[in-house]
Amino acid sequence: MTEATEGTVVRPSLGGLVDTLDRVISSGAVVCGDLLISVADIELIRVDLRLLLIGAQAHQQDGRS
């Protein structure tokens, strides 16, 4: 834990988050999900979500440009 002395401002570091996102984007990730809106057990709207997340540089390096 970071301790602050009088007159200093302590801000949380985003380094860990940035490193994690960089690793996920460089290797790629697939996110899937479903959204269902219903009233009285009657489906009104259904959306199937599919997301492919990959960096452009990784895409080009694989030869799929």
PDB file of N, CA and C in Angstrom:
ATOM      1  N   MET A   1       0.833  -1.167   0.000  1.00  0.00           N
ATOM      2  CA  MET A   1       0.000   0.000   0.000  1.00  0.00           C
ATOM      3  C   MET A   1       0.885   1.239   0.000  1.00  0.00           C
ATOM      4  N   THR A   2       0.502   2.263  -0.703  1.00  0.00           N
ATOM      5  CA  THR A   2       1.281   3.487  -0.800  1.00  0.00           C
ATOM      6  C   THR A   2       0.862   4.453   0.296  1.00  0.00           C
ATOM      7  N   GLU A   3       1.867   4.990   0.987  1.00  0.00           N
ATOM      8  CA  GLU A   3       1.584   5.961   2.036  1.00  0.00           C
ATOM      9  C   GLU A   3       1.851   7.355   1.504  1.00  0.00           C
ATOM     10  N   ALA A   4       1.014   8.292   1.871  1.00  0.00           N
ATOM     11  CA  ALA A   4       1.180   9.685   1.435  1.00  0.00           C
ATOM     12  C   ALA A   4       1.627  10.533   2.608  1.00  0.00           C
ATOM     13  N   THR A   5       2.534  11.444   2.319  1.00  0.00           N
ATOM     14  CA  THR A   5       2.923  12.407   3.328  1.00  0.00           C
ATOM     15  C   THR A   5       2.152  13.689   3.072  1.00  0.00           C
ATOM     16  N   GLU A   6       2.207  14.591   3.990  1.00  0.00           N
ATOM     17  CA  GLU A   6       1.443  15.832   3.855  1.00  0.00           C
ATOM     18  C   GLU A   6       1.889  16.607   2.613  1.00  0.00           C
ATOM     19  N   GLY A   7       0.905  17.044   1.817  1.00  0.00           N
ATOM     20  CA  GLY A   7       1.201  17.839   0.634  1.00  0.00           C
ATOM     21  C   GLY A   7       1.423  17.030  -0.633  1.00  0.00           C
ATOM     22  N   THR A   8       1.341  15.708  -0.570  1.00  0.00           N
ATOM     23  CA  THR A   8       1.518  14.889  -1.775  1.00  0.00           C
ATOM     24  C   THR A   8       0.187  14.299  -2.199  1.00  0.00           C
ATOM     25  N   VAL A   9       0.080  14.031  -3.482  1.00  0.00           N
ATOM     26  CA  VAL A   9      -1.123  13.418  -4.034  1.00  0.00           C
ATOM     27  C   VAL A   9      -0.758  12.021  -4.508  1.00  0.00           C
ATOM     28  N   VAL A  10      -1.499  11.030  -4.056  1.00  0.00           N
ATOM     29  CA  VAL A  10      -1.252   9.645  -4.452  1.00  0.00           C
ATOM     30  C   VAL A  10      -2.350   9.230  -5.407  1.00  0.00           C
ATOM     31  N   ARG A  11      -1.944   8.767  -6.586  1.00  0.00           N
ATOM     32  CA  ARG A  11      -2.910   8.314  -7.585  1.00  0.00           C
ATOM     33  C   ARG A  11      -2.638   6.851  -7.895  1.00  0.00           C
ATOM     34  N   PRO A  12      -3.685   6.068  -8.089  1.00  0.00           N
ATOM     35  CA  PRO A  12      -3.479   4.657  -8.397  1.00  0.00           C
ATOM     36  C   PRO A  12      -2.807   4.500  -9.763  1.00  0.00           C
ATOM     37  N   SER A  13      -1.985   3.496  -9.874  1.00  0.00           N
ATOM     38  CA  SER A  13      -1.270   3.224 -11.117  1.00  0.00           C
ATOM     39  C   SER A  13      -2.127   2.361 -12.035  1.00  0.00           C
ATOM     40  N   LEU A  14      -2.142   2.705 -13.315  1.00  0.00           N
ATOM     41  CA  LEU A  14      -2.863   1.910 -14.304  1.00  0.00           C
ATOM     42  C   LEU A  14      -1.921   0.977 -15.054  1.00  0.00           C
ATOM     43  N   GLY A  15      -0.689   0.872 -14.612  1.00  0.00           N
ATOM     44  CA  GLY A  15       0.306   0.050 -15.290  1.00  0.00           C
ATOM     45  C   GLY A  15      -0.126  -1.404 -15.430  1.00  0.00           C
ATOM     46  N   GLY A  16      -0.668  -1.978 -14.381  1.00  0.00           N
ATOM     47  CA  GLY A  16      -1.112  -3.372 -14.441  1.00  0.00           C
ATOM     48  C   GLY A  16      -2.250  -3.580 -15.419  1.00  0.00           C
ATOM     49  N   LEU A  17      -3.190  -2.644 -15.448  1.00  0.00           N
ATOM     50  CA  LEU A  17      -4.315  -2.733 -16.372  1.00  0.00           C
ATOM     51  C   LEU A  17      -3.853  -2.583 -17.810  1.00  0.00           C
ATOM     52  N   VAL A  18      -2.952  -1.628 -18.042  1.00  0.00           N
ATOM     53  CA  VAL A  18      -2.446  -1.398 -19.395  1.00  0.00           C
ATOM     54  C   VAL A  18      -1.672  -2.618 -19.890  1.00  0.00           C
ATOM     55  N   ASP A  19      -0.850  -3.203 -19.030  1.00  0.00           N
ATOM     56  CA  ASP A  19      -0.092  -4.395 -19.412  1.00  0.00           C
ATOM     57  C   ASP A  19      -1.020  -5.557 -19.733  1.00  0.00           C
ATOM     58  N   THR A  20      -2.060  -5.720 -18.951  1.00  0.00           N
ATOM     59  CA  THR A  20      -3.022  -6.801 -19.192  1.00  0.00           C
ATOM     60  C   THR A  20      -3.759  -6.598 -20.509  1.00  0.00           C
ATOM     61  N   LEU A  21      -4.237  -5.387 -20.765  1.00  0.00           N
ATOM     62  CA  LEU A  21      -4.919  -5.113 -22.033  1.00  0.00           C
ATOM     63  C   LEU A  21      -3.989  -5.306 -23.219  1.00  0.00           C
ATOM     64  N   ASP A  22      -2.734  -4.886 -23.088  1.00  0.00           N
ATOM     65  CA  ASP A  22      -1.762  -5.066 -24.162  1.00  0.00           C
ATOM     66  C   ASP A  22      -1.563  -6.547 -24.468  1.00  0.00           C
ATOM     67  N   ARG A  23      -1.472  -7.362 -23.435  1.00  0.00           N
ATOM     68  CA  ARG A  23      -1.278  -8.804 -23.619  1.00  0.00           C
ATOM     69  C   ARG A  23      -2.508  -9.439 -24.281  1.00  0.00           C
ATOM     70  N   VAL A  24      -3.712  -9.038 -23.869  1.00  0.00           N
ATOM     71  CA  VAL A  24      -4.944  -9.595 -24.446  1.00  0.00           C
ATOM     72  C   VAL A  24      -5.077  -9.198 -25.908  1.00  0.00           C
ATOM     73  N   ILE A  25      -4.812  -7.930 -26.218  1.00  0.00           N
ATOM     74  CA  ILE A  25      -4.955  -7.462 -27.595  1.00  0.00           C
ATOM     75  C   ILE A  25      -3.908  -8.101 -28.499  1.00  0.00           C
ATOM     76  N   SER A  26      -2.683  -8.278 -28.016  1.00  0.00           N
ATOM     77  CA  SER A  26      -1.635  -8.853 -28.855  1.00  0.00           C
ATOM     78  C   SER A  26      -1.899 -10.324 -29.161  1.00  0.00           C
ATOM     79  N   SER A  27      -2.512 -11.046 -28.234  1.00  0.00           N
ATOM     80  CA  SER A  27      -2.791 -12.460 -28.485  1.00  0.00           C
ATOM     81  C   SER A  27      -4.194 -12.685 -29.039  1.00  0.00           C
ATOM     82  N   GLY A  28      -5.101 -11.742 -28.815  1.00  0.00           N
ATOM     83  CA  GLY A  28      -6.474 -11.859 -29.318  1.00  0.00           C
ATOM     84  C   GLY A  28      -7.405 -12.411 -28.254  1.00  0.00           C
ATOM     85  N   ALA A  29      -8.660 -12.059 -28.379  1.00  0.00           N
ATOM     86  CA  ALA A  29      -9.665 -12.527 -27.433  1.00  0.00           C
ATOM     87  C   ALA A  29     -11.023 -12.572 -28.121  1.00  0.00           C
ATOM     88  N   VAL A  30     -11.858 -13.500 -27.699  1.00  0.00           N
ATOM     89  CA  VAL A  30     -13.219 -13.616 -28.211  1.00  0.00           C
ATOM     90  C   VAL A  30     -14.166 -13.467 -27.025  1.00  0.00           C
ATOM     91  N   VAL A  31     -15.142 -12.585 -27.171  1.00  0.00           N
ATOM     92  CA  VAL A  31     -16.137 -12.358 -26.131  1.00  0.00           C
ATOM     93  C   VAL A  31     -17.500 -12.697 -26.717  1.00  0.00           C
ATOM     94  N   CYS A  32     -18.248 -13.538 -26.029  1.00  0.00           N
ATOM     95  CA  CYS A  32     -19.582 -13.931 -26.485  1.00  0.00           C
ATOM     96  C   CYS A  32     -20.592 -13.639 -25.374  1.00  0.00           C
ATOM     97  N   GLY A  33     -21.783 -13.261 -25.786  1.00  0.00           N
ATOM     98  CA  GLY A  33     -22.812 -12.990 -24.798  1.00  0.00           C
ATOM     99  C   GLY A  33     -24.187 -12.935 -25.433  1.00  0.00           C
ATOM    100  N   ASP A  34     -25.198 -13.019 -24.630  1.00  0.00           N
ATOM    101  CA  ASP A  34     -26.586 -12.953 -25.077  1.00  0.00           C
ATOM    102  C   ASP A  34     -27.312 -11.890 -24.267  1.00  0.00           C
ATOM    103  N   LEU A  35     -28.162 -11.143 -24.943  1.00  0.00           N
ATOM    104  CA  LEU A  35     -29.000 -10.146 -24.296  1.00  0.00           C
ATOM    105  C   LEU A  35     -30.445 -10.509 -24.602  1.00  0.00           C
ATOM    106  N   LEU A  36     -31.235 -10.675 -23.572  1.00  0.00           N
ATOM    107  CA  LEU A  36     -32.620 -11.092 -23.736  1.00  0.00           C
ATOM    108  C   LEU A  36     -33.511 -10.152 -22.936  1.00  0.00           C
ATOM    109  N   ILE A  37     -34.458  -9.533 -23.615  1.00  0.00           N
ATOM    110  CA  ILE A  37     -35.426  -8.664 -22.960  1.00  0.00           C
ATOM    111  C   ILE A  37     -36.794  -9.330 -23.096  1.00  0.00           C
ATOM    112  N   SER A  38     -37.425  -9.585 -21.958  1.00  0.00           N
ATOM    113  CA  SER A  38     -38.721 -10.255 -21.985  1.00  0.00           C
ATOM    114  C   SER A  38     -39.657  -9.629 -20.966  1.00  0.00           C
ATOM    115  N   VAL A  39     -40.940  -9.762 -21.240  1.00  0.00           N
ATOM    116  CA  VAL A  39     -41.985  -9.296 -20.342  1.00  0.00           C
ATOM    117  C   VAL A  39     -42.984 -10.432 -20.178  1.00  0.00           C
ATOM    118  N   ALA A  40     -43.282 -10.779 -18.955  1.00  0.00           N
ATOM    119  CA  ALA A  40     -44.235 -11.847 -18.647  1.00  0.00           C
ATOM    120  C   ALA A  40     -43.862 -13.139 -19.361  1.00  0.00           C
ATOM    121  N   ASP A  41     -42.583 -13.492 -19.312  1.00  0.00           N
ATOM    122  CA  ASP A  41     -42.041 -14.706 -19.934  1.00  0.00           C
ATOM    123  C   ASP A  41     -42.241 -14.758 -21.449  1.00  0.00           C
ATOM    124  N   ILE A  42     -42.398 -13.613 -22.085  1.00  0.00           N
ATOM    125  CA  ILE A  42     -42.488 -13.532 -23.548  1.00  0.00           C
ATOM    126  C   ILE A  42     -41.261 -12.768 -24.034  1.00  0.00           C
ATOM    127  N   GLU A  43     -40.443 -13.442 -24.858  1.00  0.00           N
ATOM    128  CA  GLU A  43     -39.239 -12.809 -25.383  1.00  0.00           C
ATOM    129  C   GLU A  43     -39.615 -11.720 -26.375  1.00  0.00           C
ATOM    130  N   LEU A  44     -39.183 -10.503 -26.088  1.00  0.00           N
ATOM    131  CA  LEU A  44     -39.448  -9.396 -26.994  1.00  0.00           C
ATOM    132  C   LEU A  44     -38.244  -9.116 -27.890  1.00  0.00           C
ATOM    133  N   ILE A  45     -37.052  -9.084 -27.300  1.00  0.00           N
ATOM    134  CA  ILE A  45     -35.829  -8.803 -28.045  1.00  0.00           C
ATOM    135  C   ILE A  45     -34.755  -9.778 -27.597  1.00  0.00           C
ATOM    136  N   ARG A  46     -34.072 -10.364 -28.574  1.00  0.00           N
ATOM    137  CA  ARG A  46     -32.945 -11.246 -28.280  1.00  0.00           C
ATOM    138  C   ARG A  46     -31.785 -10.836 -29.172  1.00  0.00           C
ATOM    139  N   VAL A  47     -30.634 -10.590 -28.561  1.00  0.00           N
ATOM    140  CA  VAL A  47     -29.437 -10.183 -29.294  1.00  0.00           C
ATOM    141  C   VAL A  47     -28.309 -11.128 -28.909  1.00  0.00           C
ATOM    142  N   ASP A  48     -27.701 -11.758 -29.906  1.00  0.00           N
ATOM    143  CA  ASP A  48     -26.529 -12.595 -29.689  1.00  0.00           C
ATOM    144  C   ASP A  48     -25.301 -11.759 -30.030  1.00  0.00           C
ATOM    145  N   LEU A  49     -24.388 -11.647 -29.085  1.00  0.00           N
ATOM    146  CA  LEU A  49     -23.220 -10.802 -29.265  1.00  0.00           C
ATOM    147  C   LEU A  49     -21.967 -11.654 -29.445  1.00  0.00           C
ATOM    148  N   ARG A  50     -21.167 -11.310 -30.441  1.00  0.00           N
ATOM    149  CA  ARG A  50     -19.881 -11.962 -30.675  1.00  0.00           C
ATOM    150  C   ARG A  50     -18.869 -10.863 -30.966  1.00  0.00           C
ATOM    151  N   LEU A  51     -17.773 -10.839 -30.231  1.00  0.00           N
ATOM    152  CA  LEU A  51     -16.763  -9.801 -30.385  1.00  0.00           C
ATOM    153  C   LEU A  51     -15.403 -10.466 -30.507  1.00  0.00           C
ATOM    154  N   LEU A  52     -14.681 -10.132 -31.582  1.00  0.00           N
ATOM    155  CA  LEU A  52     -13.318 -10.593 -31.769  1.00  0.00           C
ATOM    156  C   LEU A  52     -12.404  -9.401 -31.565  1.00  0.00           C
ATOM    157  N   LEU A  53     -11.483  -9.519 -30.634  1.00  0.00           N
ATOM    158  CA  LEU A  53     -10.576  -8.427 -30.303  1.00  0.00           C
ATOM    159  C   LEU A  53      -9.153  -8.881 -30.598  1.00  0.00           C
ATOM    160  N   ILE A  54      -8.516  -8.227 -31.589  1.00  0.00           N
ATOM    161  CA  ILE A  54      -7.138  -8.546 -31.931  1.00  0.00           C
ATOM    162  C   ILE A  54      -6.480  -7.277 -32.449  1.00  0.00           C
ATOM    163  N   GLY A  55      -5.234  -7.090 -32.124  1.00  0.00           N
ATOM    164  CA  GLY A  55      -4.498  -5.915 -32.581  1.00  0.00           C
ATOM    165  C   GLY A  55      -4.205  -6.005 -34.075  1.00  0.00           C
ATOM    166  N   ALA A  56      -4.161  -4.867 -34.757  1.00  0.00           N
ATOM    167  CA  ALA A  56      -3.893  -4.844 -36.195  1.00  0.00           C
ATOM    168  C   ALA A  56      -2.499  -5.367 -36.491  1.00  0.00           C
ATOM    169  N   GLN A  57      -1.539  -5.076 -35.649  1.00  0.00           N
ATOM    170  CA  GLN A  57      -0.180  -5.527 -35.877  1.00  0.00           C
ATOM    171  C   GLN A  57      -0.104  -7.048 -35.784  1.00  0.00           C
ATOM    172  N   ALA A  58      -0.771  -7.646 -34.830  1.00  0.00           N
ATOM    173  CA  ALA A  58      -0.785  -9.109 -34.701  1.00  0.00           C
ATOM    174  C   ALA A  58      -1.478  -9.732 -35.901  1.00  0.00           C
ATOM    175  N   HIS A  59      -2.512  -9.094 -36.397  1.00  0.00           N
ATOM    176  CA  HIS A  59      -3.239  -9.583 -37.561  1.00  0.00           C
ATOM    177  C   HIS A  59      -2.331  -9.606 -38.791  1.00  0.00           C
ATOM    178  N   GLN A  60      -1.558  -8.565 -38.986  1.00  0.00           N
ATOM    179  CA  GLN A  60      -0.648  -8.480 -40.137  1.00  0.00           C
ATOM    180  C   GLN A  60       0.505  -9.464 -40.010  1.00  0.00           C
ATOM    181  N   GLN A  61       1.003  -9.688 -38.808  1.00  0.00           N
ATOM    182  CA  GLN A  61       2.116 -10.598 -38.608  1.00  0.00           C
ATOM    183  C   GLN A  61       1.735 -12.041 -38.907  1.00  0.00           C
ATOM    184  N   ASP A  62       0.473 -12.390 -38.729  1.00  0.00           N
ATOM    185  CA  ASP A  62       0.011 -13.746 -39.001  1.00  0.00           C
ATOM    186  C   ASP A  62      -0.162 -14.008 -40.502  1.00  0.00           C
ATOM    187  N   GLY A  63      -0.029 -12.964 -41.326  1.00  0.00           N
ATOM    188  CA  GLY A  63      -0.154 -13.125 -42.766  1.00  0.00           C
ATOM    189  C   GLY A  63      -1.579 -13.133 -43.251  1.00  0.00           C
ATOM    190  N   ARG A  64      -2.495 -12.646 -42.445  1.00  0.00           N
ATOM    191  CA  ARG A  64      -3.906 -12.622 -42.836  1.00  0.00           C
ATOM    192  C   ARG A  64      -4.334 -11.250 -43.309  1.00  0.00           C
ATOM    193  N   SER A  65      -3.417 -10.421 -43.751  1.00  0.00           N
ATOM    194  CA  SER A  65      -3.760  -9.059 -44.165  1.00  0.00           C
ATOM    195  C   SER A  65      -4.493  -9.127 -45.442  1.00  0.00           C
TER     196      SER A  65
END
